[in-house]
Structures are given as C-alpha cells and as structure tokens.
C-alpha cells in the first residue's frame, strides 16, 4: 500500500493558513475560526461558496480549476484572506 507524500505550504498573511496537498485533495488549516469560504477559478467564476464550521477544510482537487484557483476565506472577526490553491 503506497501513500503518496504530501506537500505543504504556509501562507503568512494577516491570518495564517496552512495548505497541504496530496494526490486527491488539499487541506486548509486555518489559524482562527472562519465563517465562509468562496473558491474562484482563473476566469473569475465562483465554483464554491460554503459556510465553514471547522478550522480544517478539505477540498477534493476535482473541484479546483487548472492550473489554480483562488480561495477567499472570511474569518469570524471580519478579516479575509485570499490564498492560491494549486490543482
């Protein structure tokens, strides 16, 4: 049984977001509570708009556009963070 290695990236903006990738999905670990996440493809089309109840978010890569997507995370304290998600 082979488990492919994960790659990890830490986005250090006003709000720390750690992103881990594997073959199937990407996992976002948020530094503080968030209320909503919107994901947009490179054309600016919104592909996801979900309420968030956890500081760990798992997204299947099939939802992400190629070569990348932008995730806008709205935190409960009124701040936002934009992160690039690689397919």
C-alpha atoms as a PDB file:
ATOM      1  CA  UNK A   1       0.000   0.000   0.000  1.00  0.00           C
ATOM      2  CA  UNK A   2       1.539   3.275  -1.165  1.00  0.00           C
ATOM      3  CA  UNK A   3       0.726   6.630   0.401  1.00  0.00           C
ATOM      4  CA  UNK A   4       1.965   9.483  -1.773  1.00  0.00           C
ATOM      5  CA  UNK A   5       3.873  12.210   0.037  1.00  0.00           C
ATOM      6  CA  UNK A   6       2.052  15.389   0.922  1.00  0.00           C
ATOM      7  CA  UNK A   7       3.371  18.776   0.018  1.00  0.00           C
ATOM      8  CA  UNK A   8       2.757  21.630   2.403  1.00  0.00           C
ATOM      9  CA  UNK A   9       2.680  25.384   2.047  1.00  0.00           C
ATOM     10  CA  UNK A  10       2.200  28.033   4.741  1.00  0.00           C
ATOM     11  CA  UNK A  11       0.575  31.296   3.661  1.00  0.00           C
ATOM     12  CA  UNK A  12       1.666  34.007   6.076  1.00  0.00           C
ATOM     13  CA  UNK A  13      -0.698  36.898   5.592  1.00  0.00           C
ATOM     14  CA  UNK A  14      -2.642  38.641   8.308  1.00  0.00           C
ATOM     15  CA  UNK A  15      -4.203  35.228   9.018  1.00  0.00           C
ATOM     16  CA  UNK A  16      -2.010  32.116   8.845  1.00  0.00           C
ATOM     17  CA  UNK A  17      -3.377  29.429   6.523  1.00  0.00           C
ATOM     18  CA  UNK A  18      -1.511  26.153   6.080  1.00  0.00           C
ATOM     19  CA  UNK A  19      -2.258  24.234   2.885  1.00  0.00           C
ATOM     20  CA  UNK A  20      -1.359  20.565   2.439  1.00  0.00           C
ATOM     21  CA  UNK A  21      -1.702  18.774  -0.895  1.00  0.00           C
ATOM     22  CA  UNK A  22      -1.865  15.103  -1.740  1.00  0.00           C
ATOM     23  CA  UNK A  23      -2.947  13.175  -4.840  1.00  0.00           C
ATOM     24  CA  UNK A  24      -6.693  13.546  -4.191  1.00  0.00           C
ATOM     25  CA  UNK A  25      -7.329  16.691  -2.174  1.00  0.00           C
ATOM     26  CA  UNK A  26      -5.957  19.744  -0.462  1.00  0.00           C
ATOM     27  CA  UNK A  27      -6.450  20.523   3.214  1.00  0.00           C
ATOM     28  CA  UNK A  28      -6.533  24.051   4.600  1.00  0.00           C
ATOM     29  CA  UNK A  29      -5.712  24.513   8.271  1.00  0.00           C
ATOM     30  CA  UNK A  30      -6.874  27.924   9.497  1.00  0.00           C
ATOM     31  CA  UNK A  31      -5.289  29.791  12.396  1.00  0.00           C
ATOM     32  CA  UNK A  32      -8.651  31.067  13.675  1.00  0.00           C
ATOM     33  CA  UNK A  33     -12.405  30.491  13.178  1.00  0.00           C
ATOM     34  CA  UNK A  34     -13.887  31.359   9.790  1.00  0.00           C
ATOM     35  CA  UNK A  35     -17.476  31.731   8.654  1.00  0.00           C
ATOM     36  CA  UNK A  36     -17.363  31.279   4.866  1.00  0.00           C
ATOM     37  CA  UNK A  37     -15.103  30.224   2.010  1.00  0.00           C
ATOM     38  CA  UNK A  38     -15.545  31.073  -1.642  1.00  0.00           C
ATOM     39  CA  UNK A  39     -13.440  29.468  -4.394  1.00  0.00           C
ATOM     40  CA  UNK A  40     -12.979  31.021  -7.849  1.00  0.00           C
ATOM     41  CA  UNK A  41     -11.374  29.597 -10.987  1.00  0.00           C
ATOM     42  CA  UNK A  42      -8.899  31.552 -13.153  1.00  0.00           C
ATOM     43  CA  UNK A  43     -11.778  33.031 -15.197  1.00  0.00           C
ATOM     44  CA  UNK A  44     -13.292  34.519 -12.036  1.00  0.00           C
ATOM     45  CA  UNK A  45     -16.211  32.080 -11.951  1.00  0.00           C
ATOM     46  CA  UNK A  46     -17.286  31.138  -8.440  1.00  0.00           C
ATOM     47  CA  UNK A  47     -17.101  27.347  -8.119  1.00  0.00           C
ATOM     48  CA  UNK A  48     -17.772  27.056  -4.381  1.00  0.00           C
ATOM     49  CA  UNK A  49     -19.442  29.144  -1.684  1.00  0.00           C
ATOM     50  CA  UNK A  50     -19.671  27.247   1.606  1.00  0.00           C
ATOM     51  CA  UNK A  51     -20.344  28.088   5.217  1.00  0.00           C
ATOM     52  CA  UNK A  52     -17.422  26.981   7.404  1.00  0.00           C
ATOM     53  CA  UNK A  53     -17.824  25.433  10.838  1.00  0.00           C
ATOM     54  CA  UNK A  54     -14.319  23.998  11.255  1.00  0.00           C
ATOM     55  CA  UNK A  55     -10.767  25.351  11.158  1.00  0.00           C
ATOM     56  CA  UNK A  56      -9.802  22.391   8.952  1.00  0.00           C
ATOM     57  CA  UNK A  57     -11.206  22.350   5.421  1.00  0.00           C
ATOM     58  CA  UNK A  58     -10.694  19.512   2.946  1.00  0.00           C
ATOM     59  CA  UNK A  59     -11.324  20.154  -0.754  1.00  0.00           C
ATOM     60  CA  UNK A  60     -11.289  17.498  -3.452  1.00  0.00           C
ATOM     61  CA  UNK A  61      -8.915  18.575  -6.238  1.00  0.00           C
ATOM     62  CA  UNK A  62     -11.636  17.800  -8.817  1.00  0.00           C
ATOM     63  CA  UNK A  63     -13.381  20.992  -7.591  1.00  0.00           C
ATOM     64  CA  UNK A  64     -10.318  23.099  -8.349  1.00  0.00           C
ATOM     65  CA  UNK A  65      -9.683  24.603 -11.755  1.00  0.00           C
ATOM     66  CA  UNK A  66      -6.410  24.181 -13.591  1.00  0.00           C
ATOM     67  CA  UNK A  67      -3.784  25.483 -13.177  1.00  0.00           C
ATOM     68  CA  UNK A  68      -5.014  27.054  -9.938  1.00  0.00           C
ATOM     69  CA  UNK A  69      -7.973  28.533  -8.066  1.00  0.00           C
ATOM     70  CA  UNK A  70      -8.327  31.353  -5.561  1.00  0.00           C
ATOM     71  CA  UNK A  71      -9.950  30.751  -2.193  1.00  0.00           C
ATOM     72  CA  UNK A  72     -11.340  33.717  -0.280  1.00  0.00           C
ATOM     73  CA  UNK A  73     -11.720  32.888   3.410  1.00  0.00           C
ATOM     74  CA  UNK A  74     -13.912  35.145   5.565  1.00  0.00           C
ATOM     75  CA  UNK A  75     -12.993  34.935   9.232  1.00  0.00           C
ATOM     76  CA  UNK A  76     -15.459  35.496  12.061  1.00  0.00           C
ATOM     77  CA  UNK A  77     -13.529  38.578  13.229  1.00  0.00           C
ATOM     78  CA  UNK A  78     -14.334  40.368   9.944  1.00  0.00           C
ATOM     79  CA  UNK A  79     -10.958  39.851   8.241  1.00  0.00           C
ATOM     80  CA  UNK A  80     -10.417  37.937   4.985  1.00  0.00           C
ATOM     81  CA  UNK A  81      -7.529  36.031   3.439  1.00  0.00           C
ATOM     82  CA  UNK A  82      -7.054  35.103  -0.223  1.00  0.00           C
ATOM     83  CA  UNK A  83      -4.949  32.025  -0.975  1.00  0.00           C
ATOM     84  CA  UNK A  84      -3.955  30.356  -4.240  1.00  0.00           C
ATOM     85  CA  UNK A  85      -4.821  26.657  -4.473  1.00  0.00           C
ATOM     86  CA  UNK A  86      -2.815  24.555  -6.926  1.00  0.00           C
ATOM     87  CA  UNK A  87      -4.545  21.736  -8.777  1.00  0.00           C
END
